Amino acid sequence: MLKCNECGNEITYHERVLALRSIKCKKCGVRYNIEIKNIPLFLAVIASAFFIHDYLMGVLDENLGWISFIVILGTVVILMPFNQRLEKKKS
């Protein structure tokens, strides 16, 4: 769980999933940029999502290709917040 450096407020997984580029602490109002902690891990997750897609496209009927897309999107959305760090926004 990530915490605000100023007040110690916990920034939840749900908040990090919904944040695209920056996040604001609900308690003290400090803004943070969201950055990728480990670039090779990020690339590995994206590559594994494509391998899963290729596998599912071979196993599933071609009319069910949307399931493969949902699996890719789910993989990225579920795993990416664990690979984030917060950098205080400079103002």
N, C-alpha and C. Protein backbone atom coordinates (compact mmCIF):
# COMPACT_ATOMS: atom_id res chain seq x y z
N MET A 1 0.84 -1.18 0.00
CA MET A 1 0.00 0.00 0.00
C MET A 1 0.89 1.24 0.00
N LEU A 2 0.63 2.15 -0.90
CA LEU A 2 1.38 3.40 -0.96
C LEU A 2 0.79 4.40 0.02
N LYS A 3 1.68 5.20 0.60
CA LYS A 3 1.26 6.21 1.56
C LYS A 3 1.73 7.58 1.11
N CYS A 4 0.96 8.60 1.50
CA CYS A 4 1.33 9.98 1.24
C CYS A 4 2.55 10.33 2.10
N ASN A 5 3.54 10.96 1.49
CA ASN A 5 4.75 11.32 2.22
C ASN A 5 4.51 12.43 3.22
N GLU A 6 3.50 13.24 3.00
CA GLU A 6 3.24 14.39 3.87
C GLU A 6 2.44 14.00 5.12
N CYS A 7 1.33 13.28 4.94
CA CYS A 7 0.44 13.02 6.07
C CYS A 7 0.34 11.54 6.44
N GLY A 8 0.87 10.64 5.62
CA GLY A 8 0.82 9.22 5.93
C GLY A 8 -0.48 8.54 5.53
N ASN A 9 -1.37 9.26 4.85
CA ASN A 9 -2.64 8.70 4.41
C ASN A 9 -2.38 7.61 3.37
N GLU A 10 -3.08 6.49 3.48
CA GLU A 10 -2.91 5.39 2.53
C GLU A 10 -3.65 5.71 1.23
N ILE A 11 -2.96 5.50 0.12
CA ILE A 11 -3.56 5.67 -1.20
C ILE A 11 -3.94 4.27 -1.67
N THR A 12 -5.21 4.04 -1.83
CA THR A 12 -5.73 2.69 -2.06
C THR A 12 -5.46 2.19 -3.48
N TYR A 13 -5.57 0.90 -3.63
CA TYR A 13 -5.44 0.24 -4.93
C TYR A 13 -6.49 0.80 -5.89
N HIS A 14 -7.70 0.97 -5.42
CA HIS A 14 -8.79 1.48 -6.25
C HIS A 14 -8.47 2.88 -6.79
N GLU A 15 -7.92 3.73 -5.96
CA GLU A 15 -7.55 5.08 -6.40
C GLU A 15 -6.45 5.03 -7.45
N ARG A 16 -5.49 4.12 -7.28
CA ARG A 16 -4.39 4.02 -8.24
C ARG A 16 -4.83 3.46 -9.57
N VAL A 17 -5.82 2.55 -9.58
CA VAL A 17 -6.33 2.01 -10.83
C VAL A 17 -7.02 3.10 -11.63
N LEU A 18 -7.77 3.95 -10.95
CA LEU A 18 -8.54 4.99 -11.64
C LEU A 18 -7.70 6.18 -12.07
N ALA A 19 -6.54 6.38 -11.45
CA ALA A 19 -5.68 7.53 -11.78
C ALA A 19 -4.88 7.23 -13.04
N LEU A 20 -4.84 8.19 -13.94
CA LEU A 20 -4.08 7.99 -15.18
C LEU A 20 -2.65 8.49 -15.05
N ARG A 21 -2.46 9.77 -14.74
CA ARG A 21 -1.12 10.33 -14.68
C ARG A 21 -0.77 10.90 -13.32
N SER A 22 -1.78 11.36 -12.58
CA SER A 22 -1.50 11.95 -11.27
C SER A 22 -2.62 11.58 -10.30
N ILE A 23 -2.31 11.73 -9.03
CA ILE A 23 -3.26 11.39 -7.98
C ILE A 23 -3.13 12.43 -6.88
N LYS A 24 -4.22 12.72 -6.22
CA LYS A 24 -4.24 13.72 -5.16
C LYS A 24 -4.60 13.04 -3.85
N CYS A 25 -3.82 13.34 -2.80
CA CYS A 25 -4.11 12.80 -1.47
C CYS A 25 -5.42 13.40 -0.98
N LYS A 26 -6.32 12.54 -0.54
CA LYS A 26 -7.62 13.02 -0.10
C LYS A 26 -7.56 13.74 1.24
N LYS A 27 -6.52 13.46 2.01
CA LYS A 27 -6.43 14.06 3.34
C LYS A 27 -5.77 15.43 3.33
N CYS A 28 -4.60 15.56 2.69
CA CYS A 28 -3.86 16.83 2.74
C CYS A 28 -3.84 17.57 1.41
N GLY A 29 -4.24 16.94 0.31
CA GLY A 29 -4.33 17.62 -0.97
C GLY A 29 -3.05 17.67 -1.79
N VAL A 30 -1.99 16.99 -1.35
CA VAL A 30 -0.73 16.97 -2.11
C VAL A 30 -0.93 16.15 -3.38
N ARG A 31 -0.43 16.65 -4.50
CA ARG A 31 -0.53 15.95 -5.79
C ARG A 31 0.75 15.17 -6.07
N TYR A 32 0.56 13.97 -6.61
CA TYR A 32 1.68 13.09 -6.97
C TYR A 32 1.53 12.68 -8.43
N ASN A 33 2.66 12.59 -9.12
CA ASN A 33 2.71 11.98 -10.44
C ASN A 33 2.85 10.48 -10.24
N ILE A 34 2.17 9.71 -11.07
CA ILE A 34 2.29 8.25 -11.01
C ILE A 34 3.35 7.85 -12.04
N GLU A 35 4.35 7.13 -11.59
CA GLU A 35 5.42 6.68 -12.47
C GLU A 35 5.58 5.17 -12.37
N ILE A 36 6.10 4.60 -13.44
CA ILE A 36 6.35 3.16 -13.46
C ILE A 36 7.61 2.87 -12.66
N LYS A 37 7.50 1.92 -11.74
CA LYS A 37 8.61 1.59 -10.86
C LYS A 37 9.67 0.77 -11.58
N ASN A 38 9.26 -0.19 -12.40
CA ASN A 38 10.18 -1.12 -13.01
C ASN A 38 9.79 -1.31 -14.48
N ILE A 39 10.53 -0.68 -15.39
CA ILE A 39 10.20 -0.73 -16.81
C ILE A 39 10.24 -2.17 -17.37
N PRO A 40 11.26 -2.99 -17.07
CA PRO A 40 11.26 -4.36 -17.60
C PRO A 40 10.04 -5.17 -17.14
N LEU A 41 9.60 -4.97 -15.91
CA LEU A 41 8.41 -5.67 -15.43
C LEU A 41 7.17 -5.20 -16.21
N PHE A 42 7.08 -3.91 -16.45
CA PHE A 42 5.97 -3.36 -17.23
C PHE A 42 5.95 -3.99 -18.62
N LEU A 43 7.10 -4.06 -19.28
CA LEU A 43 7.17 -4.65 -20.62
C LEU A 43 6.84 -6.14 -20.59
N ALA A 44 7.24 -6.84 -19.52
CA ALA A 44 6.94 -8.27 -19.39
C ALA A 44 5.43 -8.50 -19.26
N VAL A 45 4.75 -7.64 -18.52
CA VAL A 45 3.30 -7.78 -18.38
C VAL A 45 2.61 -7.56 -19.71
N ILE A 46 3.04 -6.54 -20.44
CA ILE A 46 2.45 -6.27 -21.76
C ILE A 46 2.73 -7.42 -22.72
N ALA A 47 3.96 -7.93 -22.73
CA ALA A 47 4.30 -9.05 -23.62
C ALA A 47 3.51 -10.30 -23.25
N SER A 48 3.37 -10.58 -21.97
CA SER A 48 2.61 -11.76 -21.56
C SER A 48 1.13 -11.61 -21.95
N ALA A 49 0.61 -10.40 -21.90
CA ALA A 49 -0.77 -10.19 -22.33
C ALA A 49 -0.93 -10.53 -23.81
N PHE A 50 0.04 -10.18 -24.65
CA PHE A 50 -0.04 -10.52 -26.07
C PHE A 50 0.08 -12.03 -26.29
N PHE A 51 0.94 -12.71 -25.51
CA PHE A 51 1.05 -14.16 -25.63
C PHE A 51 -0.25 -14.84 -25.22
N ILE A 52 -0.87 -14.33 -24.16
CA ILE A 52 -2.16 -14.88 -23.74
C ILE A 52 -3.20 -14.67 -24.84
N HIS A 53 -3.17 -13.49 -25.45
CA HIS A 53 -4.10 -13.20 -26.54
C HIS A 53 -3.91 -14.19 -27.70
N ASP A 54 -2.67 -14.40 -28.10
CA ASP A 54 -2.40 -15.33 -29.20
C ASP A 54 -2.87 -16.75 -28.86
N TYR A 55 -2.61 -17.18 -27.63
CA TYR A 55 -3.04 -18.51 -27.20
C TYR A 55 -4.56 -18.62 -27.23
N LEU A 56 -5.23 -17.64 -26.67
CA LEU A 56 -6.69 -17.69 -26.62
C LEU A 56 -7.32 -17.61 -28.01
N MET A 57 -6.71 -16.86 -28.91
CA MET A 57 -7.24 -16.79 -30.27
C MET A 57 -7.12 -18.14 -30.97
N GLY A 58 -6.11 -18.93 -30.61
CA GLY A 58 -5.98 -20.26 -31.19
C GLY A 58 -6.94 -21.26 -30.57
N VAL A 59 -7.28 -21.07 -29.32
CA VAL A 59 -8.15 -22.01 -28.61
C VAL A 59 -9.63 -21.67 -28.81
N LEU A 60 -9.95 -20.38 -28.78
CA LEU A 60 -11.35 -19.96 -28.87
C LEU A 60 -11.82 -19.87 -30.31
N ASP A 61 -13.13 -19.95 -30.48
CA ASP A 61 -13.74 -19.72 -31.77
C ASP A 61 -13.52 -18.27 -32.17
N GLU A 62 -13.36 -17.98 -33.44
CA GLU A 62 -13.04 -16.61 -33.84
C GLU A 62 -14.14 -15.61 -33.48
N ASN A 63 -15.34 -16.05 -33.24
CA ASN A 63 -16.41 -15.15 -32.82
C ASN A 63 -16.28 -14.75 -31.35
N LEU A 64 -15.43 -15.43 -30.61
CA LEU A 64 -15.24 -15.13 -29.19
C LEU A 64 -13.94 -14.38 -28.93
N GLY A 65 -13.43 -13.68 -29.92
CA GLY A 65 -12.18 -12.94 -29.78
C GLY A 65 -12.27 -11.83 -28.75
N TRP A 66 -13.46 -11.34 -28.48
CA TRP A 66 -13.63 -10.27 -27.47
C TRP A 66 -13.25 -10.75 -26.09
N ILE A 67 -13.39 -12.06 -25.83
CA ILE A 67 -12.98 -12.60 -24.52
C ILE A 67 -11.47 -12.43 -24.36
N SER A 68 -10.73 -12.64 -25.43
CA SER A 68 -9.29 -12.46 -25.39
C SER A 68 -8.93 -11.02 -25.06
N PHE A 69 -9.65 -10.07 -25.66
CA PHE A 69 -9.40 -8.66 -25.37
C PHE A 69 -9.68 -8.33 -23.91
N ILE A 70 -10.75 -8.88 -23.36
CA ILE A 70 -11.09 -8.65 -21.95
C ILE A 70 -10.01 -9.23 -21.04
N VAL A 71 -9.47 -10.38 -21.38
CA VAL A 71 -8.40 -10.99 -20.58
C VAL A 71 -7.16 -10.10 -20.59
N ILE A 72 -6.79 -9.56 -21.75
CA ILE A 72 -5.63 -8.67 -21.85
C ILE A 72 -5.85 -7.41 -21.01
N LEU A 73 -6.98 -6.79 -21.18
CA LEU A 73 -7.29 -5.58 -20.43
C LEU A 73 -7.30 -5.86 -18.93
N GLY A 74 -7.89 -6.96 -18.53
CA GLY A 74 -7.93 -7.33 -17.12
C GLY A 74 -6.55 -7.58 -16.55
N THR A 75 -5.70 -8.25 -17.31
CA THR A 75 -4.33 -8.52 -16.86
C THR A 75 -3.58 -7.22 -16.58
N VAL A 76 -3.67 -6.30 -17.51
CA VAL A 76 -2.95 -5.03 -17.36
C VAL A 76 -3.52 -4.20 -16.22
N VAL A 77 -4.85 -4.09 -16.15
CA VAL A 77 -5.47 -3.27 -15.12
C VAL A 77 -5.22 -3.83 -13.72
N ILE A 78 -5.26 -5.13 -13.57
CA ILE A 78 -5.06 -5.74 -12.26
C ILE A 78 -3.61 -5.63 -11.80
N LEU A 79 -2.65 -5.83 -12.70
CA LEU A 79 -1.25 -5.90 -12.29
C LEU A 79 -0.52 -4.55 -12.26
N MET A 80 -0.93 -3.59 -13.05
CA MET A 80 -0.16 -2.35 -13.16
C MET A 80 -0.08 -1.52 -11.86
N PRO A 81 -1.12 -1.41 -11.05
CA PRO A 81 -0.97 -0.60 -9.83
C PRO A 81 0.11 -1.12 -8.88
N PHE A 82 0.47 -2.39 -8.98
CA PHE A 82 1.53 -2.92 -8.13
C PHE A 82 2.91 -2.49 -8.61
N ASN A 83 2.98 -1.92 -9.80
CA ASN A 83 4.25 -1.48 -10.37
C ASN A 83 4.29 0.04 -10.50
N GLN A 84 3.67 0.73 -9.55
CA GLN A 84 3.65 2.19 -9.58
C GLN A 84 4.37 2.76 -8.38
N ARG A 85 4.92 3.94 -8.56
CA ARG A 85 5.45 4.71 -7.44
C ARG A 85 4.95 6.15 -7.58
N LEU A 86 4.98 6.85 -6.49
CA LEU A 86 4.47 8.22 -6.48
C LEU A 86 5.65 9.19 -6.38
N GLU A 87 5.65 10.18 -7.24
CA GLU A 87 6.64 11.26 -7.20
C GLU A 87 5.88 12.54 -6.95
N LYS A 88 6.29 13.29 -5.93
CA LYS A 88 5.60 14.53 -5.59
C LYS A 88 5.72 15.50 -6.76
N LYS A 89 4.58 16.08 -7.12
CA LYS A 89 4.53 17.03 -8.22
C LYS A 89 5.25 18.31 -7.82
N LYS A 90 6.10 18.78 -8.70
CA LYS A 90 6.82 20.02 -8.43
C LYS A 90 5.95 21.19 -8.88
N SER A 91 5.83 22.18 -8.01
CA SER A 91 5.00 23.34 -8.37
C SER A 91 5.74 24.64 -8.24
